[in-house]
């Protein structure tokens, strides 16, 4: 008999619900990444929903292991803090790089229209 058999119902139901909810958020973000047509629309799916999905999974992990070890397990708080600080910044940097790339492409096309010589 393992310690998983002694998990109380008050801890197992919210843990299962948070895991299903987190998986649903993550799946929605992945589908948004696949289905949306434009890059700027595609970046919002993973940036927002995967952060929520991972947050739900980390809360479920905190609840489960705090119940099993009968003490507060707070390692996931560091992961959550790191995730909530880095994900928006990375998404913003990716979007800025795409805007810079698009502006550079437009500038190059405008310069090519002005002179037939290739501009590099």
PDB file of N, CA and C in Angstrom:
ATOM      1  N   UNK A   1       0.838  -1.172   0.000  1.00  0.00           N
ATOM      2  CA  UNK A   1       0.000   0.000   0.000  1.00  0.00           C
ATOM      3  C   UNK A   1       0.890   1.245   0.000  1.00  0.00           C
ATOM      4  N   UNK A   2       0.638   2.161  -0.909  1.00  0.00           N
ATOM      5  CA  UNK A   2       1.467   3.350  -1.025  1.00  0.00           C
ATOM      6  C   UNK A   2       0.800   4.546  -0.334  1.00  0.00           C
ATOM      7  N   UNK A   3       1.546   5.626  -0.248  1.00  0.00           N
ATOM      8  CA  UNK A   3       1.006   6.829   0.380  1.00  0.00           C
ATOM      9  C   UNK A   3      -0.050   7.494  -0.501  1.00  0.00           C
ATOM     10  N   UNK A   4      -0.129   7.119  -1.771  1.00  0.00           N
ATOM     11  CA  UNK A   4      -1.152   7.678  -2.658  1.00  0.00           C
ATOM     12  C   UNK A   4      -2.545   7.177  -2.282  1.00  0.00           C
ATOM     13  N   UNK A   5      -2.621   6.014  -1.637  1.00  0.00           N
ATOM     14  CA  UNK A   5      -3.912   5.461  -1.228  1.00  0.00           C
ATOM     15  C   UNK A   5      -4.523   6.236  -0.068  1.00  0.00           C
ATOM     16  N   UNK A   6      -3.716   6.972   0.660  1.00  0.00           N
ATOM     17  CA  UNK A   6      -4.195   7.694   1.834  1.00  0.00           C
ATOM     18  C   UNK A   6      -4.474   9.162   1.550  1.00  0.00           C
ATOM     19  N   UNK A   7      -4.584   9.538   0.299  1.00  0.00           N
ATOM     20  CA  UNK A   7      -4.875  10.921  -0.051  1.00  0.00           C
ATOM     21  C   UNK A   7      -6.344  11.207   0.250  1.00  0.00           C
ATOM     22  N   UNK A   8      -6.640  12.197   1.093  1.00  0.00           N
ATOM     23  CA  UNK A   8      -8.028  12.488   1.448  1.00  0.00           C
ATOM     24  C   UNK A   8      -8.807  13.048   0.257  1.00  0.00           C
ATOM     25  N   UNK A   9     -10.108  12.867   0.324  1.00  0.00           N
ATOM     26  CA  UNK A   9     -10.985  13.305  -0.757  1.00  0.00           C
ATOM     27  C   UNK A   9     -10.969  14.823  -0.911  1.00  0.00           C
ATOM     28  N   UNK A  10     -10.840  15.563   0.211  1.00  0.00           N
ATOM     29  CA  UNK A  10     -10.839  17.021   0.135  1.00  0.00           C
ATOM     30  C   UNK A  10      -9.606  17.547  -0.601  1.00  0.00           C
ATOM     31  N   UNK A  11      -8.550  16.750  -0.702  1.00  0.00           N
ATOM     32  CA  UNK A  11      -7.359  17.177  -1.441  1.00  0.00           C
ATOM     33  C   UNK A  11      -7.335  16.609  -2.856  1.00  0.00           C
ATOM     34  N   UNK A  12      -7.873  15.416  -3.039  1.00  0.00           N
ATOM     35  CA  UNK A  12      -7.796  14.797  -4.357  1.00  0.00           C
ATOM     36  C   UNK A  12      -8.745  15.434  -5.372  1.00  0.00           C
ATOM     37  N   UNK A  13      -9.935  15.860  -4.930  1.00  0.00           N
ATOM     38  CA  UNK A  13     -10.877  16.475  -5.873  1.00  0.00           C
ATOM     39  C   UNK A  13     -10.390  17.830  -6.404  1.00  0.00           C
ATOM     40  N   UNK A  14      -9.949  18.764  -5.546  1.00  0.00           N
ATOM     41  CA  UNK A  14      -9.419  20.021  -6.107  1.00  0.00           C
ATOM     42  C   UNK A  14      -8.149  19.814  -6.931  1.00  0.00           C
ATOM     43  N   UNK A  15      -7.318  18.858  -6.525  1.00  0.00           N
ATOM     44  CA  UNK A  15      -6.105  18.577  -7.297  1.00  0.00           C
ATOM     45  C   UNK A  15      -6.455  18.079  -8.683  1.00  0.00           C
ATOM     46  N   UNK A  16      -7.393  17.156  -8.763  1.00  0.00           N
ATOM     47  CA  UNK A  16      -7.815  16.640 -10.068  1.00  0.00           C
ATOM     48  C   UNK A  16      -8.465  17.742 -10.912  1.00  0.00           C
ATOM     49  N   UNK A  17      -9.301  18.566 -10.276  1.00  0.00           N
ATOM     50  CA  UNK A  17      -9.957  19.651 -11.017  1.00  0.00           C
ATOM     51  C   UNK A  17      -8.935  20.657 -11.538  1.00  0.00           C
ATOM     52  N   UNK A  18      -7.949  21.003 -10.717  1.00  0.00           N
ATOM     53  CA  UNK A  18      -6.918  21.941 -11.157  1.00  0.00           C
ATOM     54  C   UNK A  18      -6.057  21.349 -12.271  1.00  0.00           C
ATOM     55  N   UNK A  19      -5.782  20.062 -12.205  1.00  0.00           N
ATOM     56  CA  UNK A  19      -5.007  19.429 -13.272  1.00  0.00           C
ATOM     57  C   UNK A  19      -5.773  19.403 -14.589  1.00  0.00           C
ATOM     58  N   UNK A  20      -7.070  19.102 -14.526  1.00  0.00           N
ATOM     59  CA  UNK A  20      -7.892  19.100 -15.743  1.00  0.00           C
ATOM     60  C   UNK A  20      -8.019  20.523 -16.293  1.00  0.00           C
ATOM     61  N   UNK A  21      -8.238  21.482 -15.413  1.00  0.00           N
ATOM     62  CA  UNK A  21      -8.348  22.877 -15.837  1.00  0.00           C
ATOM     63  C   UNK A  21      -7.026  23.368 -16.443  1.00  0.00           C
ATOM     64  N   UNK A  22      -5.918  23.055 -15.807  1.00  0.00           N
ATOM     65  CA  UNK A  22      -4.610  23.436 -16.337  1.00  0.00           C
ATOM     66  C   UNK A  22      -4.318  22.776 -17.673  1.00  0.00           C
ATOM     67  N   UNK A  23      -4.678  21.520 -17.811  1.00  0.00           N
ATOM     68  CA  UNK A  23      -4.509  20.838 -19.095  1.00  0.00           C
ATOM     69  C   UNK A  23      -5.382  21.447 -20.174  1.00  0.00           C
ATOM     70  N   UNK A  24      -6.601  21.839 -19.803  1.00  0.00           N
ATOM     71  CA  UNK A  24      -7.502  22.482 -20.764  1.00  0.00           C
ATOM     72  C   UNK A  24      -6.966  23.833 -21.232  1.00  0.00           C
ATOM     73  N   UNK A  25      -6.452  24.634 -20.301  1.00  0.00           N
ATOM     74  CA  UNK A  25      -5.857  25.923 -20.673  1.00  0.00           C
ATOM     75  C   UNK A  25      -4.658  25.720 -21.605  1.00  0.00           C
ATOM     76  N   UNK A  26      -3.811  24.767 -21.259  1.00  0.00           N
ATOM     77  CA  UNK A  26      -2.628  24.515 -22.064  1.00  0.00           C
ATOM     78  C   UNK A  26      -3.002  24.013 -23.451  1.00  0.00           C
ATOM     79  N   UNK A  27      -3.982  23.131 -23.524  1.00  0.00           N
ATOM     80  CA  UNK A  27      -4.452  22.633 -24.821  1.00  0.00           C
ATOM     81  C   UNK A  27      -5.042  23.766 -25.656  1.00  0.00           C
ATOM     82  N   UNK A  28      -5.792  24.657 -25.028  1.00  0.00           N
ATOM     83  CA  UNK A  28      -6.355  25.802 -25.739  1.00  0.00           C
ATOM     84  C   UNK A  28      -5.245  26.697 -26.301  1.00  0.00           C
ATOM     85  N   UNK A  29      -4.200  26.923 -25.523  1.00  0.00           N
ATOM     86  CA  UNK A  29      -3.070  27.718 -26.001  1.00  0.00           C
ATOM     87  C   UNK A  29      -2.363  27.059 -27.166  1.00  0.00           C
ATOM     88  N   UNK A  30      -2.206  25.753 -27.099  1.00  0.00           N
ATOM     89  CA  UNK A  30      -1.562  25.034 -28.207  1.00  0.00           C
ATOM     90  C   UNK A  30      -2.419  25.065 -29.463  1.00  0.00           C
ATOM     91  N   UNK A  31      -3.728  24.909 -29.312  1.00  0.00           N
ATOM     92  CA  UNK A  31      -4.616  24.990 -30.476  1.00  0.00           C
ATOM     93  C   UNK A  31      -4.617  26.392 -31.070  1.00  0.00           C
ATOM     94  N   UNK A  32      -4.556  27.409 -30.220  1.00  0.00           N
ATOM     95  CA  UNK A  32      -4.461  28.782 -30.719  1.00  0.00           C
ATOM     96  C   UNK A  32      -3.178  28.999 -31.500  1.00  0.00           C
ATOM     97  N   UNK A  33      -2.100  28.393 -31.051  1.00  0.00           N
ATOM     98  CA  UNK A  33      -0.830  28.501 -31.762  1.00  0.00           C
ATOM     99  C   UNK A  33      -0.918  27.849 -33.133  1.00  0.00           C
ATOM    100  N   UNK A  34      -1.634  26.759 -33.222  1.00  0.00           N
ATOM    101  CA  UNK A  34      -1.763  26.052 -34.498  1.00  0.00           C
ATOM    102  C   UNK A  34      -2.785  26.674 -35.437  1.00  0.00           C
ATOM    103  N   UNK A  35      -3.883  27.160 -34.909  1.00  0.00           N
ATOM    104  CA  UNK A  35      -5.011  27.541 -35.752  1.00  0.00           C
ATOM    105  C   UNK A  35      -5.053  28.990 -36.198  1.00  0.00           C
ATOM    106  N   UNK A  36      -4.519  29.901 -35.412  1.00  0.00           N
ATOM    107  CA  UNK A  36      -4.630  31.313 -35.766  1.00  0.00           C
ATOM    108  C   UNK A  36      -3.721  31.640 -36.951  1.00  0.00           C
ATOM    109  N   UNK A  37      -4.187  32.505 -37.860  1.00  0.00           N
ATOM    110  CA  UNK A  37      -3.486  32.683 -39.137  1.00  0.00           C
ATOM    111  C   UNK A  37      -2.254  33.588 -39.088  1.00  0.00           C
ATOM    112  N   UNK A  38      -2.240  34.575 -38.246  1.00  0.00           N
ATOM    113  CA  UNK A  38      -1.193  35.589 -38.278  1.00  0.00           C
ATOM    114  C   UNK A  38      -0.299  35.462 -37.052  1.00  0.00           C
ATOM    115  N   UNK A  39       0.970  35.801 -37.207  1.00  0.00           N
ATOM    116  CA  UNK A  39       1.922  35.652 -36.104  1.00  0.00           C
ATOM    117  C   UNK A  39       1.495  36.417 -34.869  1.00  0.00           C
ATOM    118  N   UNK A  40       1.042  37.654 -35.049  1.00  0.00           N
ATOM    119  CA  UNK A  40       0.688  38.489 -33.899  1.00  0.00           C
ATOM    120  C   UNK A  40      -0.548  37.964 -33.180  1.00  0.00           C
ATOM    121  N   UNK A  41      -1.410  37.271 -33.879  1.00  0.00           N
ATOM    122  CA  UNK A  41      -2.539  36.610 -33.222  1.00  0.00           C
ATOM    123  C   UNK A  41      -2.070  35.315 -32.562  1.00  0.00           C
ATOM    124  N   UNK A  42      -1.157  34.621 -33.215  1.00  0.00           N
ATOM    125  CA  UNK A  42      -0.675  33.331 -32.722  1.00  0.00           C
ATOM    126  C   UNK A  42       0.107  33.447 -31.416  1.00  0.00           C
ATOM    127  N   UNK A  43       0.770  34.553 -31.192  1.00  0.00           N
ATOM    128  CA  UNK A  43       1.615  34.685 -30.003  1.00  0.00           C
ATOM    129  C   UNK A  43       0.783  34.806 -28.724  1.00  0.00           C
ATOM    130  N   UNK A  44      -0.459  35.274 -28.827  1.00  0.00           N
ATOM    131  CA  UNK A  44      -1.276  35.478 -27.625  1.00  0.00           C
ATOM    132  C   UNK A  44      -1.770  34.170 -27.013  1.00  0.00           C
ATOM    133  N   UNK A  45      -1.999  33.153 -27.830  1.00  0.00           N
ATOM    134  CA  UNK A  45      -2.459  31.874 -27.284  1.00  0.00           C
ATOM    135  C   UNK A  45      -1.506  31.294 -26.261  1.00  0.00           C
ATOM    136  N   UNK A  46      -0.262  31.061 -26.640  1.00  0.00           N
ATOM    137  CA  UNK A  46       0.675  30.517 -25.658  1.00  0.00           C
ATOM    138  C   UNK A  46       1.003  31.492 -24.539  1.00  0.00           C
ATOM    139  N   UNK A  47       1.069  32.770 -24.836  1.00  0.00           N
ATOM    140  CA  UNK A  47       1.486  33.736 -23.812  1.00  0.00           C
ATOM    141  C   UNK A  47       0.504  33.797 -22.654  1.00  0.00           C
ATOM    142  N   UNK A  48      -0.762  33.730 -22.949  1.00  0.00           N
ATOM    143  CA  UNK A  48      -1.760  33.903 -21.894  1.00  0.00           C
ATOM    144  C   UNK A  48      -2.223  32.564 -21.329  1.00  0.00           C
ATOM    145  N   UNK A  49      -2.681  31.678 -22.189  1.00  0.00           N
ATOM    146  CA  UNK A  49      -3.314  30.462 -21.677  1.00  0.00           C
ATOM    147  C   UNK A  49      -2.331  29.453 -21.111  1.00  0.00           C
ATOM    148  N   UNK A  50      -1.141  29.383 -21.667  1.00  0.00           N
ATOM    149  CA  UNK A  50      -0.181  28.427 -21.105  1.00  0.00           C
ATOM    150  C   UNK A  50       0.296  28.899 -19.734  1.00  0.00           C
ATOM    151  N   UNK A  51       0.367  30.201 -19.525  1.00  0.00           N
ATOM    152  CA  UNK A  51       0.701  30.718 -18.199  1.00  0.00           C
ATOM    153  C   UNK A  51      -0.377  30.336 -17.192  1.00  0.00           C
ATOM    154  N   UNK A  52      -1.647  30.483 -17.574  1.00  0.00           N
ATOM    155  CA  UNK A  52      -2.745  30.079 -16.680  1.00  0.00           C
ATOM    156  C   UNK A  52      -2.741  28.566 -16.447  1.00  0.00           C
ATOM    157  N   UNK A  53      -2.513  27.804 -17.507  1.00  0.00           N
ATOM    158  CA  UNK A  53      -2.486  26.345 -17.365  1.00  0.00           C
ATOM    159  C   UNK A  53      -1.375  25.876 -16.456  1.00  0.00           C
ATOM    160  N   UNK A  54      -0.197  26.441 -16.628  1.00  0.00           N
ATOM    161  CA  UNK A  54       0.928  26.064 -15.774  1.00  0.00           C
ATOM    162  C   UNK A  54       0.684  26.500 -14.333  1.00  0.00           C
ATOM    163  N   UNK A  55       0.059  27.647 -14.153  1.00  0.00           N
ATOM    164  CA  UNK A  55      -0.282  28.087 -12.793  1.00  0.00           C
ATOM    165  C   UNK A  55      -1.226  27.120 -12.099  1.00  0.00           C
ATOM    166  N   UNK A  56      -2.242  26.652 -12.815  1.00  0.00           N
ATOM    167  CA  UNK A  56      -3.175  25.668 -12.238  1.00  0.00           C
ATOM    168  C   UNK A  56      -2.464  24.362 -11.889  1.00  0.00           C
ATOM    169  N   UNK A  57      -1.572  23.917 -12.757  1.00  0.00           N
ATOM    170  CA  UNK A  57      -0.842  22.673 -12.495  1.00  0.00           C
ATOM    171  C   UNK A  57       0.085  22.835 -11.294  1.00  0.00           C
ATOM    172  N   UNK A  58       0.711  23.992 -11.164  1.00  0.00           N
ATOM    173  CA  UNK A  58       1.595  24.219 -10.014  1.00  0.00           C
ATOM    174  C   UNK A  58       0.813  24.318  -8.706  1.00  0.00           C
ATOM    175  N   UNK A  59      -0.354  24.922  -8.733  1.00  0.00           N
ATOM    176  CA  UNK A  59      -1.195  24.976  -7.526  1.00  0.00           C
ATOM    177  C   UNK A  59      -1.651  23.574  -7.141  1.00  0.00           C
ATOM    178  N   UNK A  60      -2.008  22.763  -8.135  1.00  0.00           N
ATOM    179  CA  UNK A  60      -2.395  21.371  -7.853  1.00  0.00           C
ATOM    180  C   UNK A  60      -1.232  20.604  -7.240  1.00  0.00           C
ATOM    181  N   UNK A  61      -0.028  20.836  -7.733  1.00  0.00           N
ATOM    182  CA  UNK A  61       1.152  20.173  -7.180  1.00  0.00           C
ATOM    183  C   UNK A  61       1.412  20.609  -5.747  1.00  0.00           C
ATOM    184  N   UNK A  62       1.258  21.903  -5.477  1.00  0.00           N
ATOM    185  CA  UNK A  62       1.437  22.385  -4.105  1.00  0.00           C
ATOM    186  C   UNK A  62       0.432  21.747  -3.154  1.00  0.00           C
ATOM    187  N   UNK A  63      -0.819  21.684  -3.582  1.00  0.00           N
ATOM    188  CA  UNK A  63      -1.863  21.097  -2.745  1.00  0.00           C
ATOM    189  C   UNK A  63      -1.606  19.615  -2.498  1.00  0.00           C
ATOM    190  N   UNK A  64      -1.265  18.890  -3.558  1.00  0.00           N
ATOM    191  CA  UNK A  64      -1.050  17.453  -3.435  1.00  0.00           C
ATOM    192  C   UNK A  64       0.122  17.126  -2.511  1.00  0.00           C
ATOM    193  N   UNK A  65       1.273  17.733  -2.763  1.00  0.00           N
ATOM    194  CA  UNK A  65       2.442  17.373  -1.971  1.00  0.00           C
ATOM    195  C   UNK A  65       2.420  17.980  -0.574  1.00  0.00           C
ATOM    196  N   UNK A  66       1.716  19.080  -0.368  1.00  0.00           N
ATOM    197  CA  UNK A  66       1.535  19.588   0.993  1.00  0.00           C
ATOM    198  C   UNK A  66       0.662  18.649   1.798  1.00  0.00           C
ATOM    199  N   UNK A  67      -0.331  18.049   1.155  1.00  0.00           N
ATOM    200  CA  UNK A  67      -1.192  17.091   1.848  1.00  0.00           C
ATOM    201  C   UNK A  67      -0.450  15.793   2.140  1.00  0.00           C
ATOM    202  N   UNK A  68       0.316  15.309   1.183  1.00  0.00           N
ATOM    203  CA  UNK A  68       1.015  14.037   1.370  1.00  0.00           C
ATOM    204  C   UNK A  68       2.140  14.130   2.392  1.00  0.00           C
ATOM    205  N   UNK A  69       2.841  15.246   2.419  1.00  0.00           N
ATOM    206  CA  UNK A  69       3.971  15.372   3.334  1.00  0.00           C
ATOM    207  C   UNK A  69       3.583  16.035   4.652  1.00  0.00           C
ATOM    208  N   UNK A  70       2.332  16.419   4.816  1.00  0.00           N
ATOM    209  CA  UNK A  70       1.777  17.059   6.019  1.00  0.00           C
ATOM    210  C   UNK A  70       2.591  18.271   6.467  1.00  0.00           C
ATOM    211  N   UNK A  71       3.134  18.994   5.512  1.00  0.00           N
ATOM    212  CA  UNK A  71       3.818  20.261   5.765  1.00  0.00           C
ATOM    213  C   UNK A  71       3.686  21.094   4.501  1.00  0.00           C
ATOM    214  N   UNK A  72       3.796  22.398   4.611  1.00  0.00           N
ATOM    215  CA  UNK A  72       3.690  23.226   3.404  1.00  0.00           C
ATOM    216  C   UNK A  72       4.868  22.992   2.447  1.00  0.00           C
ATOM    217  N   UNK A  73       4.557  22.693   1.217  1.00  0.00           N
ATOM    218  CA  UNK A  73       5.571  22.538   0.176  1.00  0.00           C
ATOM    219  C   UNK A  73       5.483  23.780  -0.706  1.00  0.00           C
ATOM    220  N   UNK A  74       6.516  24.588  -0.671  1.00  0.00           N
ATOM    221  CA  UNK A  74       6.472  25.883  -1.330  1.00  0.00           C
ATOM    222  C   UNK A  74       7.464  26.011  -2.487  1.00  0.00           C
ATOM    223  N   UNK A  75       8.047  24.908  -2.932  1.00  0.00           N
ATOM    224  CA  UNK A  75       8.986  24.974  -4.051  1.00  0.00           C
ATOM    225  C   UNK A  75       8.309  25.511  -5.313  1.00  0.00           C
ATOM    226  N   UNK A  76       7.044  25.173  -5.472  1.00  0.00           N
ATOM    227  CA  UNK A  76       6.323  25.591  -6.664  1.00  0.00           C
ATOM    228  C   UNK A  76       6.094  27.096  -6.715  1.00  0.00           C
ATOM    229  N   UNK A  77       6.135  27.756  -5.558  1.00  0.00           N
ATOM    230  CA  UNK A  77       5.999  29.210  -5.559  1.00  0.00           C
ATOM    231  C   UNK A  77       7.159  29.881  -6.294  1.00  0.00           C
ATOM    232  N   UNK A  78       8.358  29.324  -6.145  1.00  0.00           N
ATOM    233  CA  UNK A  78       9.499  29.864  -6.879  1.00  0.00           C
ATOM    234  C   UNK A  78       9.333  29.651  -8.380  1.00  0.00           C
ATOM    235  N   UNK A  79       8.846  28.486  -8.760  1.00  0.00           N
ATOM    236  CA  UNK A  79       8.598  28.214 -10.174  1.00  0.00           C
ATOM    237  C   UNK A  79       7.529  29.159 -10.702  1.00  0.00           C
ATOM    238  N   UNK A  80       6.467  29.363  -9.942  1.00  0.00           N
ATOM    239  CA  UNK A  80       5.389  30.264 -10.355  1.00  0.00           C
ATOM    240  C   UNK A  80       5.894  31.688 -10.491  1.00  0.00           C
ATOM    241  N   UNK A  81       6.688  32.149  -9.540  1.00  0.00           N
ATOM    242  CA  UNK A  81       7.248  33.489  -9.604  1.00  0.00           C
ATOM    243  C   UNK A  81       8.122  33.661 -10.840  1.00  0.00           C
ATOM    244  N   UNK A  82       8.977  32.679 -11.100  1.00  0.00           N
ATOM    245  CA  UNK A  82       9.836  32.733 -12.276  1.00  0.00           C
ATOM    246  C   UNK A  82       9.006  32.725 -13.553  1.00  0.00           C
ATOM    247  N   UNK A  83       7.989  31.899 -13.598  1.00  0.00           N
ATOM    248  CA  UNK A  83       7.130  31.801 -14.777  1.00  0.00           C
ATOM    249  C   UNK A  83       6.369  33.092 -15.022  1.00  0.00           C
ATOM    250  N   UNK A  84       5.773  33.647 -13.972  1.00  0.00           N
ATOM    251  CA  UNK A  84       4.991  34.866 -14.132  1.00  0.00           C
ATOM    252  C   UNK A  84       5.857  36.077 -14.473  1.00  0.00           C
ATOM    253  N   UNK A  85       7.133  36.038 -14.121  1.00  0.00           N
ATOM    254  CA  UNK A  85       8.018  37.149 -14.462  1.00  0.00           C
ATOM    255  C   UNK A  85       8.599  37.012 -15.861  1.00  0.00           C
ATOM    256  N   UNK A  86       8.879  35.807 -16.310  1.00  0.00           N
ATOM    257  CA  UNK A  86       9.582  35.638 -17.574  1.00  0.00           C
ATOM    258  C   UNK A  86       8.672  35.487 -18.781  1.00  0.00           C
ATOM    259  N   UNK A  87       7.534  34.843 -18.641  1.00  0.00           N
ATOM    260  CA  UNK A  87       6.685  34.584 -19.804  1.00  0.00           C
ATOM    261  C   UNK A  87       6.204  35.861 -20.489  1.00  0.00           C
ATOM    262  N   UNK A  88       5.679  36.855 -19.781  1.00  0.00           N
ATOM    263  CA  UNK A  88       5.279  38.081 -20.490  1.00  0.00           C
ATOM    264  C   UNK A  88       6.452  38.814 -21.136  1.00  0.00           C
ATOM    265  N   UNK A  89       7.608  38.796 -20.471  1.00  0.00           N
ATOM    266  CA  UNK A  89       8.764  39.478 -21.046  1.00  0.00           C
ATOM    267  C   UNK A  89       9.254  38.787 -22.312  1.00  0.00           C
ATOM    268  N   UNK A  90       9.285  37.471 -22.293  1.00  0.00           N
ATOM    269  CA  UNK A  90       9.714  36.737 -23.479  1.00  0.00           C
ATOM    270  C   UNK A  90       8.732  36.960 -24.622  1.00  0.00           C
ATOM    271  N   UNK A  91       7.450  36.924 -24.341  1.00  0.00           N
ATOM    272  CA  UNK A  91       6.451  37.169 -25.386  1.00  0.00           C
ATOM    273  C   UNK A  91       6.597  38.571 -25.961  1.00  0.00           C
ATOM    274  N   UNK A  92       6.828  39.548 -25.099  1.00  0.00           N
ATOM    275  CA  UNK A  92       7.004  40.918 -25.569  1.00  0.00           C
ATOM    276  C   UNK A  92       8.253  41.042 -26.437  1.00  0.00           C
ATOM    277  N   UNK A  93       9.335  40.395 -26.043  1.00  0.00           N
ATOM    278  CA  UNK A  93      10.554  40.463 -26.843  1.00  0.00           C
ATOM    279  C   UNK A  93      10.385  39.771 -28.196  1.00  0.00           C
ATOM    280  N   UNK A  94       9.669  38.666 -28.222  1.00  0.00           N
ATOM    281  CA  UNK A  94       9.403  37.991 -29.495  1.00  0.00           C
ATOM    282  C   UNK A  94       8.558  38.881 -30.398  1.00  0.00           C
ATOM    283  N   UNK A  95       7.539  39.540 -29.833  1.00  0.00           N
ATOM    284  CA  UNK A  95       6.702  40.432 -30.643  1.00  0.00           C
ATOM    285  C   UNK A  95       7.503  41.638 -31.136  1.00  0.00           C
ATOM    286  N   UNK A  96       8.365  42.192 -30.297  1.00  0.00           N
ATOM    287  CA  UNK A  96       9.189  43.322 -30.734  1.00  0.00           C
ATOM    288  C   UNK A  96      10.137  42.911 -31.845  1.00  0.00           C
ATOM    289  N   UNK A  97      10.704  41.731 -31.741  1.00  0.00           N
ATOM    290  CA  UNK A  97      11.594  41.252 -32.800  1.00  0.00           C
ATOM    291  C   UNK A  97      10.823  41.089 -34.107  1.00  0.00           C
ATOM    292  N   UNK A  98       9.594  40.615 -34.031  1.00  0.00           N
ATOM    293  CA  UNK A  98       8.775  40.466 -35.244  1.00  0.00           C
ATOM    294  C   UNK A  98       8.424  41.827 -35.844  1.00  0.00           C
ATOM    295  N   UNK A  99       8.106  42.800 -35.004  1.00  0.00           N
ATOM    296  CA  UNK A  99       7.808  44.150 -35.501  1.00  0.00           C
ATOM    297  C   UNK A  99       9.051  44.737 -36.168  1.00  0.00           C
ATOM    298  N   UNK A 100      10.204  44.574 -35.535  1.00  0.00           N
ATOM    299  CA  UNK A 100      11.454  45.077 -36.109  1.00  0.00           C
ATOM    300  C   UNK A 100      11.733  44.409 -37.455  1.00  0.00           C
ATOM    301  N   UNK A 101      11.520  43.102 -37.529  1.00  0.00           N
ATOM    302  CA  UNK A 101      11.717  42.380 -38.784  1.00  0.00           C
ATOM    303  C   UNK A 101      10.769  42.889 -39.860  1.00  0.00           C
ATOM    304  N   UNK A 102       9.509  43.093 -39.521  1.00  0.00           N
ATOM    305  CA  UNK A 102       8.530  43.577 -40.495  1.00  0.00           C
ATOM    306  C   UNK A 102       8.857  44.994 -40.962  1.00  0.00           C
ATOM    307  N   UNK A 103       9.267  45.862 -40.043  1.00  0.00           N
ATOM    308  CA  UNK A 103       9.625  47.224 -40.432  1.00  0.00           C
ATOM    309  C   UNK A 103      10.865  47.241 -41.327  1.00  0.00           C
ATOM    310  N   UNK A 104      11.817  46.405 -41.014  1.00  0.00           N
ATOM    311  CA  UNK A 104      13.012  46.323 -41.845  1.00  0.00           C
ATOM    312  C   UNK A 104      12.666  45.803 -43.242  1.00  0.00           C
ATOM    313  N   UNK A 105      11.763  44.841 -43.315  1.00  0.00           N
ATOM    314  CA  UNK A 105      11.308  44.303 -44.610  1.00  0.00           C
ATOM    315  C   UNK A 105      10.586  45.386 -45.407  1.00  0.00           C
ATOM    316  N   UNK A 106       9.733  46.164 -44.764  1.00  0.00           N
ATOM    317  CA  UNK A 106       9.027  47.247 -45.455  1.00  0.00           C
ATOM    318  C   UNK A 106      10.000  48.313 -45.941  1.00  0.00           C
ATOM    319  N   UNK A 107      11.000  48.635 -45.128  1.00  0.00           N
ATOM    320  CA  UNK A 107      11.992  49.623 -45.526  1.00  0.00           C
ATOM    321  C   UNK A 107      12.782  49.123 -46.731  1.00  0.00           C
ATOM    322  N   UNK A 108      13.146  47.854 -46.724  1.00  0.00           N
ATOM    323  CA  UNK A 108      13.885  47.266 -47.832  1.00  0.00           C
ATOM    324  C   UNK A 108      13.055  47.282 -49.110  1.00  0.00           C
ATOM    325  N   UNK A 109      11.760  46.954 -49.020  1.00  0.00           N
ATOM    326  CA  UNK A 109      10.897  46.975 -50.207  1.00  0.00           C
ATOM    327  C   UNK A 109      10.709  48.386 -50.735  1.00  0.00           C
ATOM    328  N   UNK A 110      10.585  49.361 -49.850  1.00  0.00           N
ATOM    329  CA  UNK A 110      10.443  50.749 -50.277  1.00  0.00           C
ATOM    330  C   UNK A 110      11.717  51.239 -50.964  1.00  0.00           C
ATOM    331  N   UNK A 111      12.863  50.835 -50.450  1.00  0.00           N
ATOM    332  CA  UNK A 111      14.131  51.242 -51.051  1.00  0.00           C
ATOM    333  C   UNK A 111      14.321  50.583 -52.414  1.00  0.00           C
ATOM    334  N   UNK A 112      13.858  49.345 -52.583  1.00  0.00           N
ATOM    335  CA  UNK A 112      13.962  48.658 -53.869  1.00  0.00           C
ATOM    336  C   UNK A 112      13.064  49.298 -54.922  1.00  0.00           C
ATOM    337  N   UNK A 113      11.929  49.845 -54.512  1.00  0.00           N
ATOM    338  CA  UNK A 113      11.036  50.529 -55.450  1.00  0.00           C
ATOM    339  C   UNK A 113      11.655  51.826 -55.965  1.00  0.00           C
ATOM    340  N   UNK A 114      12.434  52.494 -55.093  1.00  0.00           N
ATOM    341  CA  UNK A 114      13.059  53.744 -55.477  1.00  0.00           C
ATOM    342  C   UNK A 114      14.210  53.545 -56.444  1.00  0.00           C
ATOM    343  N   UNK A 115      15.025  52.540 -56.224  1.00  0.00           N
ATOM    344  CA  UNK A 115      16.151  52.277 -57.121  1.00  0.00           C
ATOM    345  C   UNK A 115      16.146  50.802 -57.511  1.00  0.00           C
ATOM    346  N   UNK A 116      16.438  50.511 -58.752  1.00  0.00           N
ATOM    347  CA  UNK A 116      16.416  49.098 -59.190  1.00  0.00           C
ATOM    348  C   UNK A 116      17.609  48.311 -58.678  1.00  0.00           C
ATOM    349  N   UNK A 117      18.606  48.965 -58.091  1.00  0.00           N
ATOM    350  CA  UNK A 117      19.759  48.266 -57.573  1.00  0.00           C
ATOM    351  C   UNK A 117      19.379  47.617 -56.242  1.00  0.00           C
ATOM    352  N   UNK A 118      19.814  46.404 -56.053  1.00  0.00           N
ATOM    353  CA  UNK A 118      19.481  45.668 -54.832  1.00  0.00           C
ATOM    354  C   UNK A 118      20.061  46.380 -53.612  1.00  0.00           C
ATOM    355  N   UNK A 119      19.260  46.521 -52.588  1.00  0.00           N
ATOM    356  CA  UNK A 119      19.665  47.178 -51.352  1.00  0.00           C
ATOM    357  C   UNK A 119      19.833  46.116 -50.287  1.00  0.00           C
ATOM    358  N   UNK A 120      20.998  46.120 -49.661  1.00  0.00           N
ATOM    359  CA  UNK A 120      21.234  45.134 -48.611  1.00  0.00           C
ATOM    360  C   UNK A 120      21.550  45.801 -47.299  1.00  0.00           C
TER     361      UNK A 120
END
